[in-house]
Amino acid sequence: MSRPFILGLTGSIGMGKSAVALMLRELGVPVFDADATVHRLQGPGGALLPAIEAAFPGTTSPHGVDRPALGAQVFGNTDALARLEAIVHPAVAEERATFLLEYAGEPILVFDIPLLFEKGHGAGLDAVAVVSAPAEMQRTRVLARPGMTPEKFAQILTLQVPDAEKRARADHVIDTGVTLVETRAQVAALIASIRQKNPR
């Protein structure tokens, strides 16, 4: 049996990736959300809490990972970050494998991977769609988030592959600098085109 077509979905902060992922779900396409998986694994009763507590004492509680405490230990410390990623990444890969098995009969699956280009998570994907919007619109969206500052935003941007480079490396670009109706039409057209080329 042929396997599903796997589309990677990515985009920089504030580009509208979550909105596009929702549109894909509304079209009946299963979406594996890497970020949501990490949050669940690190949340209350999460499977990763014992390993994270052992590696970074004092950073977890019954309520899950204390993000500020963990952030303080790993931010700017490449060794600590590598230790954390060695705990998190294999667990996420396992969850993704389970997702693949569960939806093996579907024509298309989407892997929502925020740091797809930054962390080299493109293996096994048939195509990559980048969600993009004009820089000013991105800035407005991000600065409207609670607790966000221009300094924090600038710091986040330094850690992300520039939008222009993401667009250049993508197989498809979804523009969210337009109305929701127009974005939804782009998403529907992309999925229709993939389904047509990959009938199950």
C-alpha atoms as a PDB file:
ATOM      1  CA  MET A   1       0.000   0.000   0.000  1.00  0.00           C
ATOM      2  CA  SER A   2       1.336   3.427  -0.900  1.00  0.00           C
ATOM      3  CA  ARG A   3       2.017   5.707   2.027  1.00  0.00           C
ATOM      4  CA  PRO A   4       0.431   9.135   2.575  1.00  0.00           C
ATOM      5  CA  PHE A   5       1.925  12.261   1.005  1.00  0.00           C
ATOM      6  CA  ILE A   6       3.660  14.078   3.870  1.00  0.00           C
ATOM      7  CA  LEU A   7       3.629  17.869   3.771  1.00  0.00           C
ATOM      8  CA  GLY A   8       5.848  19.795   6.181  1.00  0.00           C
ATOM      9  CA  LEU A   9       4.310  23.043   7.446  1.00  0.00           C
ATOM     10  CA  THR A  10       6.528  25.747   8.873  1.00  0.00           C
ATOM     11  CA  GLY A  11       6.909  29.499   9.201  1.00  0.00           C
ATOM     12  CA  SER A  12       8.498  32.092  11.430  1.00  0.00           C
ATOM     13  CA  ILE A  13       6.831  33.525  14.554  1.00  0.00           C
ATOM     14  CA  GLY A  14       3.696  35.565  13.865  1.00  0.00           C
ATOM     15  CA  MET A  15       3.286  34.382  10.282  1.00  0.00           C
ATOM     16  CA  GLY A  16      -0.071  32.676  10.845  1.00  0.00           C
ATOM     17  CA  LYS A  17       1.010  29.024  10.868  1.00  0.00           C
ATOM     18  CA  SER A  18      -1.503  28.050  13.574  1.00  0.00           C
ATOM     19  CA  ALA A  19      -4.352  29.555  11.523  1.00  0.00           C
ATOM     20  CA  VAL A  20      -3.223  27.602   8.441  1.00  0.00           C
ATOM     21  CA  ALA A  21      -2.927  24.365  10.464  1.00  0.00           C
ATOM     22  CA  LEU A  22      -6.527  24.869  11.586  1.00  0.00           C
ATOM     23  CA  MET A  23      -7.627  25.415   7.968  1.00  0.00           C
ATOM     24  CA  LEU A  24      -5.926  22.138   7.014  1.00  0.00           C
ATOM     25  CA  ARG A  25      -7.760  20.295   9.791  1.00  0.00           C
ATOM     26  CA  GLU A  26     -11.037  21.822   8.584  1.00  0.00           C
ATOM     27  CA  LEU A  27     -10.289  20.294   5.164  1.00  0.00           C
ATOM     28  CA  GLY A  28     -10.006  16.884   6.826  1.00  0.00           C
ATOM     29  CA  VAL A  29      -6.206  16.672   6.705  1.00  0.00           C
ATOM     30  CA  PRO A  30      -4.638  15.143   9.858  1.00  0.00           C
ATOM     31  CA  VAL A  31      -2.003  17.485  11.326  1.00  0.00           C
ATOM     32  CA  PHE A  32       0.786  16.402  13.668  1.00  0.00           C
ATOM     33  CA  ASP A  33       1.614  19.411  15.851  1.00  0.00           C
ATOM     34  CA  ALA A  34       5.169  19.075  17.199  1.00  0.00           C
ATOM     35  CA  ASP A  35       4.793  22.011  19.627  1.00  0.00           C
ATOM     36  CA  ALA A  36       1.516  20.731  21.078  1.00  0.00           C
ATOM     37  CA  THR A  37       3.114  17.299  21.528  1.00  0.00           C
ATOM     38  CA  VAL A  38       6.023  18.814  23.474  1.00  0.00           C
ATOM     39  CA  HIS A  39       3.591  20.791  25.660  1.00  0.00           C
ATOM     40  CA  ARG A  40       1.638  17.612  26.436  1.00  0.00           C
ATOM     41  CA  LEU A  41       4.780  15.589  27.207  1.00  0.00           C
ATOM     42  CA  GLN A  42       5.987  18.378  29.517  1.00  0.00           C
ATOM     43  CA  GLY A  43       2.586  19.243  30.997  1.00  0.00           C
ATOM     44  CA  PRO A  44       0.888  17.929  34.163  1.00  0.00           C
ATOM     45  CA  GLY A  45       1.673  14.220  34.469  1.00  0.00           C
ATOM     46  CA  GLY A  46       3.713  14.398  31.242  1.00  0.00           C
ATOM     47  CA  ALA A  47       5.863  11.417  30.294  1.00  0.00           C
ATOM     48  CA  LEU A  48       9.056  13.518  30.135  1.00  0.00           C
ATOM     49  CA  LEU A  49       8.836  15.096  33.592  1.00  0.00           C
ATOM     50  CA  PRO A  50      11.004  12.503  35.436  1.00  0.00           C
ATOM     51  CA  ALA A  51      13.807  12.690  32.852  1.00  0.00           C
ATOM     52  CA  ILE A  52      13.730  16.506  32.757  1.00  0.00           C
ATOM     53  CA  GLU A  53      13.741  16.739  36.575  1.00  0.00           C
ATOM     54  CA  ALA A  54      16.706  14.331  36.743  1.00  0.00           C
ATOM     55  CA  ALA A  55      18.684  16.389  34.220  1.00  0.00           C
ATOM     56  CA  PHE A  56      17.550  19.807  35.474  1.00  0.00           C
ATOM     57  CA  PRO A  57      16.620  19.543  39.177  1.00  0.00           C
ATOM     58  CA  GLY A  58      13.949  21.953  40.402  1.00  0.00           C
ATOM     59  CA  THR A  59      12.439  22.644  36.993  1.00  0.00           C
ATOM     60  CA  THR A  60       9.303  20.505  37.259  1.00  0.00           C
ATOM     61  CA  SER A  61       6.309  20.121  39.567  1.00  0.00           C
ATOM     62  CA  PRO A  62       2.980  18.243  39.508  1.00  0.00           C
ATOM     63  CA  HIS A  63       1.818  21.074  37.211  1.00  0.00           C
ATOM     64  CA  GLY A  64       4.455  20.157  34.620  1.00  0.00           C
ATOM     65  CA  VAL A  65       7.649  21.875  33.530  1.00  0.00           C
ATOM     66  CA  ASP A  66       8.312  25.267  35.091  1.00  0.00           C
ATOM     67  CA  ARG A  67       9.181  26.960  31.808  1.00  0.00           C
ATOM     68  CA  PRO A  68      10.896  30.043  33.267  1.00  0.00           C
ATOM     69  CA  ALA A  69      13.038  27.846  35.561  1.00  0.00           C
ATOM     70  CA  LEU A  70      13.977  25.464  32.743  1.00  0.00           C
ATOM     71  CA  GLY A  71      14.550  28.372  30.373  1.00  0.00           C
ATOM     72  CA  ALA A  72      16.940  29.951  32.881  1.00  0.00           C
ATOM     73  CA  GLN A  73      19.025  26.758  32.905  1.00  0.00           C
ATOM     74  CA  VAL A  74      19.173  26.170  29.141  1.00  0.00           C
ATOM     75  CA  PHE A  75      18.981  29.644  27.575  1.00  0.00           C
ATOM     76  CA  GLY A  76      22.349  30.543  26.081  1.00  0.00           C
ATOM     77  CA  ASN A  77      23.866  27.249  27.300  1.00  0.00           C
ATOM     78  CA  THR A  78      24.437  24.994  24.286  1.00  0.00           C
ATOM     79  CA  ASP A  79      25.386  21.935  26.382  1.00  0.00           C
ATOM     80  CA  ALA A  80      22.255  22.212  28.534  1.00  0.00           C
ATOM     81  CA  LEU A  81      20.084  22.757  25.455  1.00  0.00           C
ATOM     82  CA  ALA A  82      21.602  19.677  23.806  1.00  0.00           C
ATOM     83  CA  ARG A  83      20.814  17.638  26.956  1.00  0.00           C
ATOM     84  CA  LEU A  84      17.208  18.844  26.897  1.00  0.00           C
ATOM     85  CA  GLU A  85      16.834  18.132  23.169  1.00  0.00           C
ATOM     86  CA  ALA A  86      18.230  14.620  23.699  1.00  0.00           C
ATOM     87  CA  ILE A  87      15.296  14.015  26.069  1.00  0.00           C
ATOM     88  CA  VAL A  88      12.593  15.733  24.022  1.00  0.00           C
ATOM     89  CA  HIS A  89      13.370  14.919  20.374  1.00  0.00           C
ATOM     90  CA  PRO A  90      13.276  11.092  20.589  1.00  0.00           C
ATOM     91  CA  ALA A  91       9.953  11.278  22.469  1.00  0.00           C
ATOM     92  CA  VAL A  92       8.449  13.549  19.803  1.00  0.00           C
ATOM     93  CA  ALA A  93       9.765  11.230  17.055  1.00  0.00           C
ATOM     94  CA  GLU A  94       8.041   8.306  18.783  1.00  0.00           C
ATOM     95  CA  GLU A  95       4.736  10.224  18.941  1.00  0.00           C
ATOM     96  CA  ARG A  96       5.106  11.128  15.264  1.00  0.00           C
ATOM     97  CA  ALA A  97       5.663   7.453  14.359  1.00  0.00           C
ATOM     98  CA  THR A  98       2.467   6.556  16.226  1.00  0.00           C
ATOM     99  CA  PHE A  99       0.601   9.323  14.359  1.00  0.00           C
ATOM    100  CA  LEU A 100       1.885   7.927  11.032  1.00  0.00           C
ATOM    101  CA  LEU A 101       0.617   4.447  11.890  1.00  0.00           C
ATOM    102  CA  GLU A 102      -2.735   5.798  13.020  1.00  0.00           C
ATOM    103  CA  TYR A 103      -3.325   7.736   9.781  1.00  0.00           C
ATOM    104  CA  ALA A 104      -1.528   5.417   7.329  1.00  0.00           C
ATOM    105  CA  GLY A 105      -4.660   5.173   5.171  1.00  0.00           C
ATOM    106  CA  GLU A 106      -4.965   8.926   4.591  1.00  0.00           C
ATOM    107  CA  PRO A 107      -3.891  10.490   1.265  1.00  0.00           C
ATOM    108  CA  ILE A 108      -2.153  13.475   2.912  1.00  0.00           C
ATOM    109  CA  LEU A 109      -0.667  14.124   6.341  1.00  0.00           C
ATOM    110  CA  VAL A 110       0.804  17.392   7.601  1.00  0.00           C
ATOM    111  CA  PHE A 111       3.709  17.707  10.031  1.00  0.00           C
ATOM    112  CA  ASP A 112       3.514  21.142  11.689  1.00  0.00           C
ATOM    113  CA  ILE A 113       7.186  21.783  12.553  1.00  0.00           C
ATOM    114  CA  PRO A 114       8.014  25.336  13.709  1.00  0.00           C
ATOM    115  CA  LEU A 115      11.822  24.892  13.490  1.00  0.00           C
ATOM    116  CA  LEU A 116      11.836  22.676  10.390  1.00  0.00           C
ATOM    117  CA  PHE A 117      14.711  24.515   8.669  1.00  0.00           C
ATOM    118  CA  GLU A 118      16.463  25.648  11.855  1.00  0.00           C
ATOM    119  CA  LYS A 119      16.798  22.117  13.259  1.00  0.00           C
ATOM    120  CA  GLY A 120      16.976  20.190   9.987  1.00  0.00           C
ATOM    121  CA  HIS A 121      13.722  18.278  10.527  1.00  0.00           C
ATOM    122  CA  GLY A 122      12.940  17.909   6.814  1.00  0.00           C
ATOM    123  CA  ALA A 123      13.749  14.202   6.481  1.00  0.00           C
ATOM    124  CA  GLY A 124      10.894  12.059   5.184  1.00  0.00           C
ATOM    125  CA  LEU A 125       8.827  14.985   3.901  1.00  0.00           C
ATOM    126  CA  ASP A 126       7.500  14.988   0.346  1.00  0.00           C
ATOM    127  CA  ALA A 127       7.158  18.778   0.221  1.00  0.00           C
ATOM    128  CA  VAL A 128       7.408  21.829   2.487  1.00  0.00           C
ATOM    129  CA  ALA A 129       4.893  24.671   2.727  1.00  0.00           C
ATOM    130  CA  VAL A 130       6.049  27.914   4.326  1.00  0.00           C
ATOM    131  CA  VAL A 131       3.515  30.314   5.834  1.00  0.00           C
ATOM    132  CA  SER A 132       4.559  33.902   5.224  1.00  0.00           C
ATOM    133  CA  ALA A 133       3.354  37.488   5.622  1.00  0.00           C
ATOM    134  CA  PRO A 134       4.943  40.939   5.188  1.00  0.00           C
ATOM    135  CA  ALA A 135       7.485  41.831   7.910  1.00  0.00           C
ATOM    136  CA  GLU A 136       5.415  44.749   9.264  1.00  0.00           C
ATOM    137  CA  MET A 137       2.342  42.550   9.648  1.00  0.00           C
ATOM    138  CA  GLN A 138       4.445  39.883  11.379  1.00  0.00           C
ATOM    139  CA  ARG A 139       5.839  42.487  13.792  1.00  0.00           C
ATOM    140  CA  THR A 140       2.370  43.859  14.610  1.00  0.00           C
ATOM    141  CA  ARG A 141       0.992  40.377  15.292  1.00  0.00           C
ATOM    142  CA  VAL A 142       3.894  39.322  17.519  1.00  0.00           C
ATOM    143  CA  LEU A 143       4.043  42.535  19.557  1.00  0.00           C
ATOM    144  CA  ALA A 144       0.314  42.172  20.288  1.00  0.00           C
ATOM    145  CA  ARG A 145       1.045  38.949  22.221  1.00  0.00           C
ATOM    146  CA  PRO A 146       0.995  39.138  26.034  1.00  0.00           C
ATOM    147  CA  GLY A 147       4.443  39.666  27.534  1.00  0.00           C
ATOM    148  CA  MET A 148       6.135  40.246  24.180  1.00  0.00           C
ATOM    149  CA  THR A 149       8.602  43.114  23.820  1.00  0.00           C
ATOM    150  CA  PRO A 150      10.502  44.463  20.790  1.00  0.00           C
ATOM    151  CA  GLU A 151      13.709  43.105  22.392  1.00  0.00           C
ATOM    152  CA  LYS A 152      12.265  39.598  22.816  1.00  0.00           C
ATOM    153  CA  PHE A 153      10.953  39.656  19.269  1.00  0.00           C
ATOM    154  CA  ALA A 154      14.369  40.728  17.918  1.00  0.00           C
ATOM    155  CA  GLN A 155      16.025  37.909  19.906  1.00  0.00           C
ATOM    156  CA  ILE A 156      13.578  35.312  18.515  1.00  0.00           C
ATOM    157  CA  LEU A 157      14.230  36.502  14.953  1.00  0.00           C
ATOM    158  CA  THR A 158      17.988  35.988  15.374  1.00  0.00           C
ATOM    159  CA  LEU A 159      17.309  32.310  16.174  1.00  0.00           C
ATOM    160  CA  GLN A 160      15.074  31.737  13.133  1.00  0.00           C
ATOM    161  CA  VAL A 161      16.033  31.258   9.495  1.00  0.00           C
ATOM    162  CA  PRO A 162      15.020  34.504   7.700  1.00  0.00           C
ATOM    163  CA  ASP A 163      11.591  34.430   6.071  1.00  0.00           C
ATOM    164  CA  ALA A 164      13.036  35.163   2.602  1.00  0.00           C
ATOM    165  CA  GLU A 165      15.293  32.122   2.877  1.00  0.00           C
ATOM    166  CA  LYS A 166      12.401  29.932   4.067  1.00  0.00           C
ATOM    167  CA  ARG A 167      10.317  31.047   1.093  1.00  0.00           C
ATOM    168  CA  ALA A 168      13.208  30.305  -1.269  1.00  0.00           C
ATOM    169  CA  ARG A 169      13.645  26.801   0.155  1.00  0.00           C
ATOM    170  CA  ALA A 170       9.907  25.983   0.239  1.00  0.00           C
ATOM    171  CA  ASP A 171       7.989  23.963  -2.334  1.00  0.00           C
ATOM    172  CA  HIS A 172       4.863  26.023  -1.588  1.00  0.00           C
ATOM    173  CA  VAL A 173       4.341  29.445   0.027  1.00  0.00           C
ATOM    174  CA  ILE A 174       1.052  30.260   1.766  1.00  0.00           C
ATOM    175  CA  ASP A 175       0.513  34.013   2.020  1.00  0.00           C
ATOM    176  CA  THR A 176      -1.282  35.125   5.191  1.00  0.00           C
ATOM    177  CA  GLY A 177      -0.780  38.818   4.472  1.00  0.00           C
ATOM    178  CA  VAL A 178      -4.193  38.748   2.774  1.00  0.00           C
ATOM    179  CA  THR A 179      -7.738  38.115   4.034  1.00  0.00           C
ATOM    180  CA  LEU A 180      -8.575  34.857   5.802  1.00  0.00           C
ATOM    181  CA  VAL A 181     -10.844  33.963   2.883  1.00  0.00           C
ATOM    182  CA  GLU A 182      -7.936  34.378   0.444  1.00  0.00           C
ATOM    183  CA  THR A 183      -5.571  32.388   2.647  1.00  0.00           C
ATOM    184  CA  ARG A 184      -8.176  29.632   3.020  1.00  0.00           C
ATOM    185  CA  ALA A 185      -8.515  29.506  -0.786  1.00  0.00           C
ATOM    186  CA  GLN A 186      -4.734  29.074  -1.160  1.00  0.00           C
ATOM    187  CA  VAL A 187      -4.726  26.235   1.371  1.00  0.00           C
ATOM    188  CA  ALA A 188      -7.680  24.502  -0.312  1.00  0.00           C
ATOM    189  CA  ALA A 189      -6.034  24.822  -3.747  1.00  0.00           C
ATOM    190  CA  LEU A 190      -2.769  23.356  -2.446  1.00  0.00           C
ATOM    191  CA  ILE A 191      -4.493  20.363  -0.852  1.00  0.00           C
ATOM    192  CA  ALA A 192      -6.655  19.784  -3.953  1.00  0.00           C
ATOM    193  CA  SER A 193      -3.528  19.818  -6.129  1.00  0.00           C
ATOM    194  CA  ILE A 194      -1.688  17.333  -3.877  1.00  0.00           C
ATOM    195  CA  ARG A 195      -4.736  15.045  -3.725  1.00  0.00           C
ATOM    196  CA  GLN A 196      -5.010  15.105  -7.517  1.00  0.00           C
ATOM    197  CA  LYS A 197      -1.362  14.130  -7.979  1.00  0.00           C
ATOM    198  CA  ASN A 198      -1.461  11.514  -5.203  1.00  0.00           C
ATOM    199  CA  PRO A 199      -4.785   9.683  -5.376  1.00  0.00           C
ATOM    200  CA  ARG A 200      -5.206   6.897  -2.820  1.00  0.00           C
END
